[in-house]
């Protein structure tokens, strides 16, 4: 596995993209500085499973800008092009702060069979967290179905995983310079879901 980084500007926002190459399954964190723990979780699970990971962050920025996922699919980011060309199926990690559903893990994205497989791994987190795959039960803005969303641009599409704060970091409030540590149980469960994807994915 090799790691490469590049700075890319999107809509006037300077982001650091970091790609670590692995297998045909991919872990993506588009908002690593906005949605605490997603970058660290993507890296940890990718390392555990031998997957490829691509993480976007805004280092040293106290108030990171949130760019909607479909607008992150820019042609001038070489590492995003590399990720999309080498990965067959993507699991894109995001964070939600829905006060009405603080324990729900929403699984959207265009590949619904893959969403159910990932949810099967996340079932190990019950009753602390509840995986949700029924699109009718997922808030519209969290469904990840836009055709330009990077999660849907790999050959077999992908799964958008929206995690509440407690499922992506052990830190309960933001503090400058303090790293996020994803709960070990979530790393284990998501890794199990990725293993189910790998077993079910046919060869090209």
N, C-alpha and C. Protein backbone atom coordinates (compact mmCIF):
# COMPACT_ATOMS: atom_id res chain seq x y z
N UNK A 1 0.85 -1.20 0.00
CA UNK A 1 0.00 0.00 0.00
C UNK A 1 0.88 1.24 0.00
N UNK A 2 0.54 2.19 -0.85
CA UNK A 2 1.29 3.44 -0.93
C UNK A 2 0.34 4.60 -0.66
N UNK A 3 0.90 5.70 -0.14
CA UNK A 3 0.11 6.87 0.20
C UNK A 3 0.62 8.08 -0.56
N UNK A 4 -0.31 8.83 -1.17
CA UNK A 4 0.01 10.05 -1.90
C UNK A 4 -0.93 11.15 -1.45
N UNK A 5 -0.46 12.39 -1.49
CA UNK A 5 -1.28 13.53 -1.10
C UNK A 5 -1.17 14.65 -2.13
N UNK A 6 -2.21 15.43 -2.24
CA UNK A 6 -2.18 16.63 -3.07
C UNK A 6 -3.16 17.65 -2.50
N UNK A 7 -2.83 18.92 -2.68
CA UNK A 7 -3.77 19.99 -2.35
C UNK A 7 -4.60 20.29 -3.59
N UNK A 8 -5.89 20.48 -3.37
CA UNK A 8 -6.80 20.78 -4.47
C UNK A 8 -7.75 21.88 -4.01
N UNK A 9 -8.06 22.80 -4.91
CA UNK A 9 -9.00 23.87 -4.58
C UNK A 9 -10.34 23.58 -5.24
N UNK A 10 -11.39 23.58 -4.42
CA UNK A 10 -12.75 23.36 -4.90
C UNK A 10 -13.62 24.50 -4.40
N UNK A 11 -14.18 25.23 -5.32
CA UNK A 11 -15.05 26.37 -4.98
C UNK A 11 -14.35 27.34 -4.03
N UNK A 12 -13.06 27.56 -4.27
CA UNK A 12 -12.30 28.50 -3.47
C UNK A 12 -11.81 27.95 -2.14
N UNK A 13 -12.09 26.68 -1.86
CA UNK A 13 -11.68 26.05 -0.60
C UNK A 13 -10.49 25.14 -0.87
N UNK A 14 -9.42 25.32 -0.08
CA UNK A 14 -8.21 24.50 -0.24
C UNK A 14 -8.33 23.25 0.62
N UNK A 15 -8.26 22.09 -0.02
CA UNK A 15 -8.39 20.81 0.67
C UNK A 15 -7.15 19.97 0.44
N UNK A 16 -6.85 19.14 1.41
CA UNK A 16 -5.78 18.15 1.28
C UNK A 16 -6.42 16.80 1.02
N UNK A 17 -6.11 16.22 -0.14
CA UNK A 17 -6.58 14.88 -0.48
C UNK A 17 -5.46 13.88 -0.23
N UNK A 18 -5.77 12.78 0.46
CA UNK A 18 -4.78 11.76 0.77
C UNK A 18 -5.31 10.40 0.34
N UNK A 19 -4.59 9.78 -0.59
CA UNK A 19 -4.98 8.48 -1.13
C UNK A 19 -4.01 7.41 -0.66
N UNK A 20 -4.55 6.33 -0.11
CA UNK A 20 -3.75 5.15 0.23
C UNK A 20 -4.29 3.99 -0.59
N UNK A 21 -3.45 3.45 -1.46
CA UNK A 21 -3.92 2.44 -2.40
C UNK A 21 -4.00 1.07 -1.74
N UNK A 22 -5.01 0.32 -2.18
CA UNK A 22 -5.21 -1.04 -1.70
C UNK A 22 -6.00 -1.81 -2.73
N UNK A 23 -7.03 -2.51 -2.28
CA UNK A 23 -7.82 -3.34 -3.17
C UNK A 23 -8.92 -2.58 -3.88
N UNK A 24 -9.86 -3.35 -4.49
CA UNK A 24 -10.92 -2.77 -5.31
C UNK A 24 -12.09 -2.22 -4.50
N UNK A 25 -12.12 -2.48 -3.20
CA UNK A 25 -13.09 -1.80 -2.35
C UNK A 25 -12.48 -0.50 -1.86
N UNK A 26 -13.31 0.54 -1.77
CA UNK A 26 -12.78 1.84 -1.37
C UNK A 26 -13.51 2.43 -0.18
N UNK A 27 -12.77 3.11 0.67
CA UNK A 27 -13.33 3.90 1.77
C UNK A 27 -13.09 5.36 1.45
N UNK A 28 -14.13 6.17 1.55
CA UNK A 28 -14.05 7.57 1.17
C UNK A 28 -14.55 8.43 2.33
N UNK A 29 -13.81 9.51 2.62
CA UNK A 29 -14.25 10.50 3.61
C UNK A 29 -14.10 11.87 2.96
N UNK A 30 -15.19 12.41 2.47
CA UNK A 30 -15.15 13.68 1.74
C UNK A 30 -15.05 14.87 2.67
N UNK A 31 -15.52 14.72 3.91
CA UNK A 31 -15.61 15.84 4.84
C UNK A 31 -14.88 15.51 6.14
N UNK A 32 -13.61 15.10 6.00
CA UNK A 32 -12.86 14.64 7.15
C UNK A 32 -12.66 15.66 8.24
N UNK A 33 -12.66 16.96 7.89
CA UNK A 33 -12.47 18.00 8.90
C UNK A 33 -13.80 18.54 9.42
N UNK A 34 -14.88 18.30 8.71
CA UNK A 34 -16.19 18.78 9.14
C UNK A 34 -16.93 17.75 9.99
N UNK A 35 -16.75 16.49 9.64
CA UNK A 35 -17.52 15.41 10.25
C UNK A 35 -16.55 14.52 11.01
N UNK A 36 -16.28 14.94 12.24
CA UNK A 36 -15.21 14.37 13.05
C UNK A 36 -15.24 12.86 13.15
N UNK A 37 -14.10 12.24 12.95
CA UNK A 37 -13.95 10.80 13.06
C UNK A 37 -14.08 10.05 11.75
N UNK A 38 -14.65 10.69 10.72
CA UNK A 38 -14.84 9.96 9.46
C UNK A 38 -13.52 9.67 8.76
N UNK A 39 -12.59 10.62 8.81
CA UNK A 39 -11.29 10.40 8.18
C UNK A 39 -10.55 9.27 8.88
N UNK A 40 -10.54 9.32 10.20
CA UNK A 40 -9.82 8.30 10.97
C UNK A 40 -10.46 6.93 10.81
N UNK A 41 -11.80 6.90 10.76
CA UNK A 41 -12.50 5.63 10.59
C UNK A 41 -12.22 5.04 9.21
N UNK A 42 -12.23 5.88 8.18
CA UNK A 42 -11.93 5.39 6.83
C UNK A 42 -10.54 4.78 6.76
N UNK A 43 -9.57 5.47 7.35
CA UNK A 43 -8.19 4.95 7.32
C UNK A 43 -8.06 3.65 8.10
N UNK A 44 -8.69 3.59 9.29
CA UNK A 44 -8.56 2.40 10.14
C UNK A 44 -9.18 1.18 9.48
N UNK A 45 -10.37 1.35 8.90
CA UNK A 45 -11.05 0.22 8.27
C UNK A 45 -10.32 -0.21 7.00
N UNK A 46 -9.86 0.76 6.22
CA UNK A 46 -9.12 0.43 5.00
C UNK A 46 -7.86 -0.35 5.32
N UNK A 47 -7.15 0.07 6.35
CA UNK A 47 -5.93 -0.64 6.74
C UNK A 47 -6.25 -2.06 7.19
N UNK A 48 -7.32 -2.20 7.95
CA UNK A 48 -7.72 -3.52 8.45
C UNK A 48 -8.09 -4.46 7.30
N UNK A 49 -8.77 -3.92 6.28
CA UNK A 49 -9.33 -4.76 5.22
C UNK A 49 -8.51 -4.79 3.94
N UNK A 50 -7.44 -3.98 3.88
CA UNK A 50 -6.67 -3.90 2.66
C UNK A 50 -7.36 -3.15 1.56
N UNK A 51 -8.29 -2.25 1.94
CA UNK A 51 -9.03 -1.47 0.95
C UNK A 51 -8.25 -0.21 0.58
N UNK A 52 -8.70 0.46 -0.47
CA UNK A 52 -8.16 1.76 -0.87
C UNK A 52 -8.93 2.84 -0.11
N UNK A 53 -8.24 3.88 0.35
CA UNK A 53 -8.93 4.96 1.04
C UNK A 53 -8.55 6.31 0.43
N UNK A 54 -9.52 7.21 0.40
CA UNK A 54 -9.30 8.59 -0.02
C UNK A 54 -9.99 9.49 0.99
N UNK A 55 -9.20 10.40 1.56
CA UNK A 55 -9.69 11.27 2.62
C UNK A 55 -9.41 12.72 2.25
N UNK A 56 -10.41 13.58 2.44
CA UNK A 56 -10.25 15.02 2.23
C UNK A 56 -10.31 15.73 3.58
N UNK A 57 -9.33 16.58 3.85
CA UNK A 57 -9.31 17.35 5.09
C UNK A 57 -8.94 18.80 4.79
N UNK A 58 -9.12 19.65 5.78
CA UNK A 58 -8.72 21.05 5.70
C UNK A 58 -7.81 21.35 6.90
N UNK A 59 -6.55 20.93 6.82
CA UNK A 59 -5.65 21.03 7.97
C UNK A 59 -5.48 22.47 8.46
N UNK A 60 -5.54 22.63 9.77
CA UNK A 60 -5.28 23.93 10.37
C UNK A 60 -6.38 24.94 10.21
N UNK A 61 -7.52 24.53 9.67
CA UNK A 61 -8.64 25.47 9.46
C UNK A 61 -9.60 25.35 10.64
N UNK A 62 -9.78 26.41 11.42
CA UNK A 62 -10.62 26.31 12.62
C UNK A 62 -12.10 26.14 12.32
N UNK A 63 -12.56 26.62 11.17
CA UNK A 63 -13.97 26.51 10.81
C UNK A 63 -14.08 25.97 9.39
N UNK A 64 -13.91 24.65 9.22
CA UNK A 64 -13.87 24.06 7.87
C UNK A 64 -15.17 24.32 7.10
N UNK A 65 -15.02 24.47 5.79
CA UNK A 65 -16.15 24.71 4.90
C UNK A 65 -16.70 23.36 4.44
N UNK A 66 -18.03 23.24 4.47
CA UNK A 66 -18.68 22.02 4.00
C UNK A 66 -19.11 22.20 2.56
N UNK A 67 -18.53 21.41 1.67
CA UNK A 67 -18.90 21.43 0.25
C UNK A 67 -19.79 20.21 0.00
N UNK A 68 -21.00 20.37 -0.50
CA UNK A 68 -21.87 19.23 -0.75
C UNK A 68 -21.18 18.17 -1.60
N UNK A 69 -21.45 16.92 -1.29
CA UNK A 69 -20.75 15.81 -1.93
C UNK A 69 -20.76 15.85 -3.45
N UNK A 70 -21.91 16.11 -4.12
CA UNK A 70 -21.88 16.11 -5.59
C UNK A 70 -20.93 17.14 -6.17
N UNK A 71 -20.68 18.23 -5.42
CA UNK A 71 -19.79 19.27 -5.93
C UNK A 71 -18.33 18.97 -5.64
N UNK A 72 -18.07 17.86 -4.94
CA UNK A 72 -16.69 17.42 -4.71
C UNK A 72 -16.16 16.61 -5.89
N UNK A 73 -17.02 16.22 -6.81
CA UNK A 73 -16.61 15.38 -7.95
C UNK A 73 -16.02 16.25 -9.05
N UNK A 74 -14.82 16.76 -8.79
CA UNK A 74 -14.17 17.67 -9.73
C UNK A 74 -13.14 16.91 -10.56
N UNK A 75 -13.02 17.29 -11.81
CA UNK A 75 -12.09 16.60 -12.70
C UNK A 75 -10.63 16.95 -12.47
N UNK A 76 -10.37 18.07 -11.77
CA UNK A 76 -8.98 18.49 -11.62
C UNK A 76 -8.30 17.90 -10.38
N UNK A 77 -8.97 17.01 -9.66
CA UNK A 77 -8.33 16.33 -8.52
C UNK A 77 -7.79 14.99 -9.01
N UNK A 78 -6.48 14.91 -9.18
CA UNK A 78 -5.86 13.71 -9.73
C UNK A 78 -6.07 12.50 -8.84
N UNK A 79 -6.05 12.68 -7.52
CA UNK A 79 -6.19 11.53 -6.63
C UNK A 79 -7.63 11.02 -6.61
N UNK A 80 -8.61 11.90 -6.81
CA UNK A 80 -9.99 11.43 -6.94
C UNK A 80 -10.14 10.63 -8.23
N UNK A 81 -9.54 11.09 -9.31
CA UNK A 81 -9.59 10.33 -10.56
C UNK A 81 -8.95 8.96 -10.38
N UNK A 82 -7.82 8.92 -9.69
CA UNK A 82 -7.13 7.66 -9.44
C UNK A 82 -8.02 6.73 -8.61
N UNK A 83 -8.62 7.27 -7.56
CA UNK A 83 -9.51 6.48 -6.70
C UNK A 83 -10.66 5.87 -7.50
N UNK A 84 -11.32 6.70 -8.30
CA UNK A 84 -12.49 6.24 -9.06
C UNK A 84 -12.12 5.22 -10.13
N UNK A 85 -10.90 5.28 -10.62
CA UNK A 85 -10.49 4.34 -11.67
C UNK A 85 -10.06 2.99 -11.08
N UNK A 86 -9.52 2.98 -9.87
CA UNK A 86 -9.01 1.72 -9.31
C UNK A 86 -10.03 1.02 -8.41
N UNK A 87 -11.03 1.73 -7.94
CA UNK A 87 -11.99 1.15 -6.99
C UNK A 87 -13.25 0.69 -7.73
N UNK A 88 -13.75 -0.49 -7.39
CA UNK A 88 -14.97 -1.00 -8.01
C UNK A 88 -16.22 -0.58 -7.25
N UNK A 89 -16.13 -0.49 -5.92
CA UNK A 89 -17.29 -0.16 -5.09
C UNK A 89 -16.81 0.66 -3.91
N UNK A 90 -17.54 1.72 -3.61
CA UNK A 90 -17.13 2.68 -2.58
C UNK A 90 -18.06 2.65 -1.38
N UNK A 91 -17.47 2.75 -0.20
CA UNK A 91 -18.22 3.02 1.03
C UNK A 91 -17.78 4.40 1.51
N UNK A 92 -18.70 5.36 1.45
CA UNK A 92 -18.38 6.75 1.76
C UNK A 92 -18.91 7.08 3.15
N UNK A 93 -18.02 7.54 4.03
CA UNK A 93 -18.37 7.79 5.43
C UNK A 93 -18.67 9.26 5.67
N UNK A 94 -19.80 9.51 6.31
CA UNK A 94 -20.24 10.86 6.64
C UNK A 94 -20.72 10.89 8.09
N UNK A 95 -20.94 12.10 8.58
CA UNK A 95 -21.46 12.26 9.93
C UNK A 95 -22.75 13.05 9.93
N UNK A 96 -23.70 12.61 10.75
CA UNK A 96 -24.93 13.39 10.91
C UNK A 96 -25.10 13.75 12.39
N UNK A 97 -25.86 14.80 12.62
CA UNK A 97 -26.15 15.26 13.98
C UNK A 97 -27.65 15.41 14.18
N UNK A 98 -28.40 14.43 13.70
CA UNK A 98 -29.85 14.47 13.82
C UNK A 98 -30.27 14.18 15.27
N UNK A 99 -30.78 15.20 15.92
CA UNK A 99 -31.15 15.03 17.34
C UNK A 99 -32.30 14.06 17.53
N UNK A 100 -33.15 13.91 16.50
CA UNK A 100 -34.28 12.98 16.62
C UNK A 100 -33.84 11.53 16.50
N UNK A 101 -32.68 11.29 15.87
CA UNK A 101 -32.20 9.92 15.65
C UNK A 101 -30.72 9.82 16.00
N UNK A 102 -30.36 10.05 17.28
CA UNK A 102 -28.94 10.10 17.64
C UNK A 102 -28.23 8.76 17.62
N UNK A 103 -28.97 7.67 17.44
CA UNK A 103 -28.35 6.33 17.41
C UNK A 103 -28.51 5.65 16.07
N UNK A 104 -29.07 6.35 15.10
CA UNK A 104 -29.31 5.75 13.78
C UNK A 104 -28.07 5.87 12.90
N UNK A 105 -27.70 4.79 12.23
CA UNK A 105 -26.68 4.78 11.20
C UNK A 105 -27.42 4.57 9.88
N UNK A 106 -27.47 5.61 9.05
CA UNK A 106 -28.22 5.56 7.80
C UNK A 106 -27.31 5.06 6.67
N UNK A 107 -27.81 4.08 5.91
CA UNK A 107 -27.03 3.52 4.81
C UNK A 107 -27.74 3.82 3.49
N UNK A 108 -27.27 4.88 2.81
CA UNK A 108 -27.81 5.27 1.53
C UNK A 108 -26.89 4.85 0.40
N UNK A 109 -26.87 5.65 -0.66
CA UNK A 109 -26.06 5.31 -1.83
C UNK A 109 -26.84 4.48 -2.82
N UNK A 110 -26.32 4.42 -4.05
CA UNK A 110 -27.04 3.78 -5.14
C UNK A 110 -27.04 2.26 -5.13
N UNK A 111 -26.08 1.63 -4.48
CA UNK A 111 -26.00 0.17 -4.49
C UNK A 111 -26.71 -0.37 -3.25
N UNK A 112 -27.99 -0.70 -3.40
CA UNK A 112 -28.79 -1.09 -2.24
C UNK A 112 -28.41 -2.48 -1.70
N UNK A 113 -28.01 -3.38 -2.58
CA UNK A 113 -27.57 -4.69 -2.10
C UNK A 113 -26.33 -4.53 -1.23
N UNK A 114 -25.40 -3.68 -1.67
CA UNK A 114 -24.19 -3.44 -0.89
C UNK A 114 -24.53 -2.78 0.44
N UNK A 115 -25.51 -1.89 0.44
CA UNK A 115 -25.92 -1.23 1.68
C UNK A 115 -26.41 -2.26 2.69
N UNK A 116 -27.16 -3.23 2.24
CA UNK A 116 -27.66 -4.25 3.16
C UNK A 116 -26.53 -5.14 3.69
N UNK A 117 -25.53 -5.39 2.85
CA UNK A 117 -24.38 -6.19 3.31
C UNK A 117 -23.58 -5.44 4.38
N UNK A 118 -23.36 -4.15 4.16
CA UNK A 118 -22.64 -3.35 5.16
C UNK A 118 -23.46 -3.29 6.45
N UNK A 119 -24.77 -3.12 6.31
CA UNK A 119 -25.64 -3.08 7.48
C UNK A 119 -25.55 -4.37 8.28
N UNK A 120 -25.37 -5.49 7.58
CA UNK A 120 -25.24 -6.76 8.29
C UNK A 120 -24.06 -6.76 9.25
N UNK A 121 -22.94 -6.16 8.83
CA UNK A 121 -21.80 -6.04 9.73
C UNK A 121 -22.10 -5.10 10.88
N UNK A 122 -22.78 -4.01 10.58
CA UNK A 122 -23.09 -3.00 11.60
C UNK A 122 -24.14 -3.48 12.59
N UNK A 123 -24.86 -4.55 12.26
CA UNK A 123 -25.84 -5.11 13.20
C UNK A 123 -25.19 -5.50 14.52
N UNK A 124 -23.90 -5.76 14.50
CA UNK A 124 -23.19 -6.11 15.74
C UNK A 124 -23.21 -4.98 16.75
N UNK A 125 -23.52 -3.77 16.30
CA UNK A 125 -23.53 -2.60 17.20
C UNK A 125 -24.86 -2.44 17.94
N UNK A 126 -25.89 -3.22 17.55
CA UNK A 126 -27.16 -3.12 18.26
C UNK A 126 -27.01 -3.61 19.70
N UNK A 127 -27.70 -3.05 20.68
CA UNK A 127 -28.73 -2.01 20.56
C UNK A 127 -28.17 -0.57 20.66
N UNK A 128 -26.84 -0.43 20.77
CA UNK A 128 -26.30 0.92 20.93
C UNK A 128 -26.58 1.78 19.71
N UNK A 129 -26.45 1.19 18.52
CA UNK A 129 -26.72 1.91 17.27
C UNK A 129 -27.63 1.05 16.39
N UNK A 130 -28.45 1.71 15.56
CA UNK A 130 -29.41 1.01 14.73
C UNK A 130 -29.17 1.30 13.26
N UNK A 131 -28.64 0.34 12.50
CA UNK A 131 -28.47 0.53 11.05
C UNK A 131 -29.83 0.64 10.35
N UNK A 132 -29.95 1.59 9.43
CA UNK A 132 -31.20 1.82 8.70
C UNK A 132 -30.90 1.76 7.21
N UNK A 133 -31.54 0.83 6.48
CA UNK A 133 -31.33 0.71 5.05
C UNK A 133 -32.55 1.10 4.22
N UNK A 134 -33.71 1.18 4.83
CA UNK A 134 -34.93 1.56 4.11
C UNK A 134 -34.84 3.03 3.72
N UNK A 135 -34.78 3.31 2.42
CA UNK A 135 -34.61 4.70 1.97
C UNK A 135 -35.74 5.60 2.45
N UNK A 136 -36.93 5.06 2.62
CA UNK A 136 -38.05 5.87 3.10
C UNK A 136 -37.84 6.35 4.53
N UNK A 137 -36.98 5.67 5.26
CA UNK A 137 -36.71 6.04 6.64
C UNK A 137 -35.45 6.89 6.78
N UNK A 138 -34.77 7.15 5.68
CA UNK A 138 -33.55 7.95 5.68
C UNK A 138 -33.90 9.37 5.23
N UNK A 139 -33.49 10.39 5.98
CA UNK A 139 -33.76 11.77 5.53
C UNK A 139 -33.26 11.99 4.12
N UNK A 140 -34.01 12.73 3.33
CA UNK A 140 -33.70 12.90 1.91
C UNK A 140 -32.27 13.38 1.69
N UNK A 141 -31.82 14.34 2.49
CA UNK A 141 -30.49 14.92 2.30
C UNK A 141 -29.37 13.95 2.66
N UNK A 142 -29.71 12.84 3.30
CA UNK A 142 -28.69 11.88 3.73
C UNK A 142 -28.70 10.60 2.88
N UNK A 143 -29.50 10.57 1.84
CA UNK A 143 -29.65 9.34 1.06
C UNK A 143 -28.50 9.06 0.11
N UNK A 144 -27.76 10.07 -0.30
CA UNK A 144 -26.59 9.85 -1.15
C UNK A 144 -26.91 9.27 -2.50
N UNK A 145 -27.98 9.72 -3.12
CA UNK A 145 -28.41 9.15 -4.40
C UNK A 145 -28.09 10.03 -5.60
N UNK A 146 -27.55 11.21 -5.39
CA UNK A 146 -27.25 12.11 -6.51
C UNK A 146 -26.24 11.44 -7.45
N UNK A 147 -26.50 11.57 -8.75
CA UNK A 147 -25.65 10.89 -9.73
C UNK A 147 -24.21 11.40 -9.73
N UNK A 148 -23.98 12.63 -9.25
CA UNK A 148 -22.63 13.19 -9.21
C UNK A 148 -21.95 13.00 -7.86
N UNK A 149 -22.64 12.41 -6.93
CA UNK A 149 -22.01 12.10 -5.65
C UNK A 149 -20.91 11.06 -5.91
N UNK A 150 -19.68 11.32 -5.46
CA UNK A 150 -18.59 10.37 -5.74
C UNK A 150 -18.87 8.94 -5.31
N UNK A 151 -19.73 8.75 -4.31
CA UNK A 151 -20.03 7.38 -3.88
C UNK A 151 -20.69 6.57 -4.99
N UNK A 152 -21.32 7.25 -5.94
CA UNK A 152 -22.01 6.55 -7.02
C UNK A 152 -21.22 6.52 -8.33
N UNK A 153 -19.97 6.96 -8.31
CA UNK A 153 -19.21 7.08 -9.55
C UNK A 153 -18.26 5.92 -9.83
N UNK A 154 -18.10 5.02 -8.88
CA UNK A 154 -17.28 3.84 -9.16
C UNK A 154 -18.11 2.80 -9.92
N UNK A 155 -17.46 1.78 -10.44
CA UNK A 155 -18.11 0.87 -11.39
C UNK A 155 -19.37 0.23 -10.84
N UNK A 156 -19.34 -0.14 -9.58
CA UNK A 156 -20.51 -0.78 -8.96
C UNK A 156 -21.22 0.15 -7.98
N UNK A 157 -21.00 1.43 -8.13
CA UNK A 157 -21.65 2.38 -7.24
C UNK A 157 -21.13 2.26 -5.82
N UNK A 158 -22.00 2.50 -4.85
CA UNK A 158 -21.50 2.42 -3.49
C UNK A 158 -22.56 2.65 -2.43
N UNK A 159 -22.07 2.78 -1.20
CA UNK A 159 -22.89 2.92 -0.01
C UNK A 159 -22.47 4.19 0.73
N UNK A 160 -23.43 5.06 1.01
CA UNK A 160 -23.14 6.24 1.83
C UNK A 160 -23.57 5.93 3.26
N UNK A 161 -22.61 5.95 4.17
CA UNK A 161 -22.87 5.62 5.57
C UNK A 161 -22.85 6.90 6.39
N UNK A 162 -24.00 7.25 6.94
CA UNK A 162 -24.14 8.45 7.76
C UNK A 162 -24.16 8.04 9.23
N UNK A 163 -23.11 8.44 9.94
CA UNK A 163 -22.93 8.00 11.33
C UNK A 163 -23.19 9.13 12.31
N UNK A 164 -23.88 8.85 13.42
CA UNK A 164 -24.02 9.86 14.47
C UNK A 164 -22.67 10.07 15.17
N UNK A 165 -22.57 11.16 15.90
CA UNK A 165 -21.29 11.52 16.53
C UNK A 165 -20.71 10.39 17.37
N UNK A 166 -21.53 9.74 18.18
CA UNK A 166 -21.02 8.72 19.09
C UNK A 166 -20.49 7.49 18.36
N UNK A 167 -20.87 7.31 17.09
CA UNK A 167 -20.40 6.16 16.32
C UNK A 167 -19.13 6.46 15.54
N UNK A 168 -18.70 7.71 15.53
CA UNK A 168 -17.49 8.02 14.74
C UNK A 168 -16.34 8.59 15.55
N UNK A 169 -16.58 8.98 16.78
CA UNK A 169 -15.48 9.46 17.61
C UNK A 169 -15.81 9.29 19.08
N UNK A 170 -14.79 9.01 19.86
CA UNK A 170 -14.96 8.92 21.31
C UNK A 170 -14.97 10.30 21.96
N UNK A 171 -14.65 11.32 21.18
CA UNK A 171 -14.64 12.69 21.68
C UNK A 171 -16.04 13.27 21.58
N UNK A 172 -16.53 13.88 22.64
CA UNK A 172 -17.90 14.35 22.67
C UNK A 172 -18.04 15.83 22.31
N UNK A 173 -16.95 16.56 22.26
CA UNK A 173 -17.02 17.95 21.84
C UNK A 173 -15.74 18.32 21.11
N UNK A 174 -15.87 19.28 20.19
CA UNK A 174 -14.73 19.67 19.37
C UNK A 174 -13.76 20.52 20.16
N UNK A 175 -12.46 20.26 19.96
CA UNK A 175 -11.41 21.07 20.56
C UNK A 175 -10.26 21.15 19.56
N UNK A 176 -9.70 22.35 19.35
CA UNK A 176 -8.63 22.52 18.35
C UNK A 176 -7.45 21.59 18.62
N UNK A 177 -7.02 20.89 17.59
CA UNK A 177 -5.83 20.06 17.69
C UNK A 177 -6.01 18.73 18.36
N UNK A 178 -7.21 18.44 18.82
CA UNK A 178 -7.46 17.16 19.49
C UNK A 178 -7.94 16.14 18.46
N UNK A 179 -7.22 15.04 18.26
CA UNK A 179 -7.61 14.08 17.22
C UNK A 179 -8.85 13.29 17.60
N UNK A 180 -9.53 12.78 16.59
CA UNK A 180 -10.69 11.92 16.81
C UNK A 180 -10.24 10.46 16.82
N UNK A 181 -10.81 9.69 17.73
CA UNK A 181 -10.55 8.26 17.79
C UNK A 181 -11.87 7.51 17.63
N UNK A 182 -12.07 6.83 16.51
CA UNK A 182 -13.32 6.09 16.33
C UNK A 182 -13.43 4.96 17.35
N UNK A 183 -14.63 4.66 17.83
CA UNK A 183 -14.81 3.53 18.74
C UNK A 183 -14.36 2.22 18.10
N UNK A 184 -13.67 1.43 18.87
CA UNK A 184 -13.15 0.16 18.36
C UNK A 184 -14.28 -0.74 17.86
N UNK A 185 -15.42 -0.71 18.55
CA UNK A 185 -16.54 -1.55 18.15
C UNK A 185 -17.04 -1.18 16.75
N UNK A 186 -16.99 0.11 16.42
CA UNK A 186 -17.45 0.56 15.10
C UNK A 186 -16.45 0.16 14.02
N UNK A 187 -15.16 0.29 14.33
CA UNK A 187 -14.13 -0.17 13.39
C UNK A 187 -14.32 -1.66 13.11
N UNK A 188 -14.56 -2.43 14.15
CA UNK A 188 -14.75 -3.88 13.98
C UNK A 188 -15.98 -4.19 13.13
N UNK A 189 -17.10 -3.52 13.44
CA UNK A 189 -18.35 -3.82 12.75
C UNK A 189 -18.31 -3.39 11.29
N UNK A 190 -17.74 -2.21 11.03
CA UNK A 190 -17.65 -1.75 9.65
C UNK A 190 -16.68 -2.62 8.86
N UNK A 191 -15.61 -3.06 9.49
CA UNK A 191 -14.68 -3.98 8.83
C UNK A 191 -15.38 -5.29 8.46
N UNK A 192 -16.25 -5.77 9.34
CA UNK A 192 -17.00 -6.99 9.05
C UNK A 192 -17.91 -6.77 7.85
N UNK A 193 -18.54 -5.59 7.76
CA UNK A 193 -19.37 -5.28 6.61
C UNK A 193 -18.57 -5.23 5.32
N UNK A 194 -17.36 -4.66 5.40
CA UNK A 194 -16.50 -4.60 4.23
C UNK A 194 -16.08 -6.00 3.80
N UNK A 195 -15.84 -6.88 4.75
CA UNK A 195 -15.48 -8.25 4.42
C UNK A 195 -16.63 -8.97 3.71
N UNK A 196 -17.87 -8.66 4.14
CA UNK A 196 -19.04 -9.25 3.47
C UNK A 196 -19.13 -8.74 2.03
N UNK A 197 -18.83 -7.47 1.81
CA UNK A 197 -18.81 -6.93 0.46
C UNK A 197 -17.77 -7.62 -0.40
N UNK A 198 -16.58 -7.80 0.16
CA UNK A 198 -15.51 -8.44 -0.59
C UNK A 198 -15.88 -9.85 -0.99
N UNK A 199 -16.56 -10.57 -0.11
CA UNK A 199 -16.95 -11.96 -0.39
C UNK A 199 -18.03 -12.03 -1.47
N UNK A 200 -18.89 -11.02 -1.49
CA UNK A 200 -20.02 -11.03 -2.43
C UNK A 200 -19.68 -10.44 -3.79
N UNK A 201 -18.58 -9.70 -3.87
CA UNK A 201 -18.27 -8.98 -5.10
C UNK A 201 -17.68 -9.92 -6.14
N UNK A 202 -18.32 -10.06 -7.30
CA UNK A 202 -17.77 -10.95 -8.34
C UNK A 202 -16.53 -10.36 -8.96
N UNK A 203 -15.70 -11.18 -9.52
CA UNK A 203 -14.53 -10.69 -10.23
C UNK A 203 -14.92 -10.09 -11.57
N UNK A 204 -14.10 -9.13 -12.03
CA UNK A 204 -14.37 -8.51 -13.34
C UNK A 204 -13.86 -9.42 -14.46
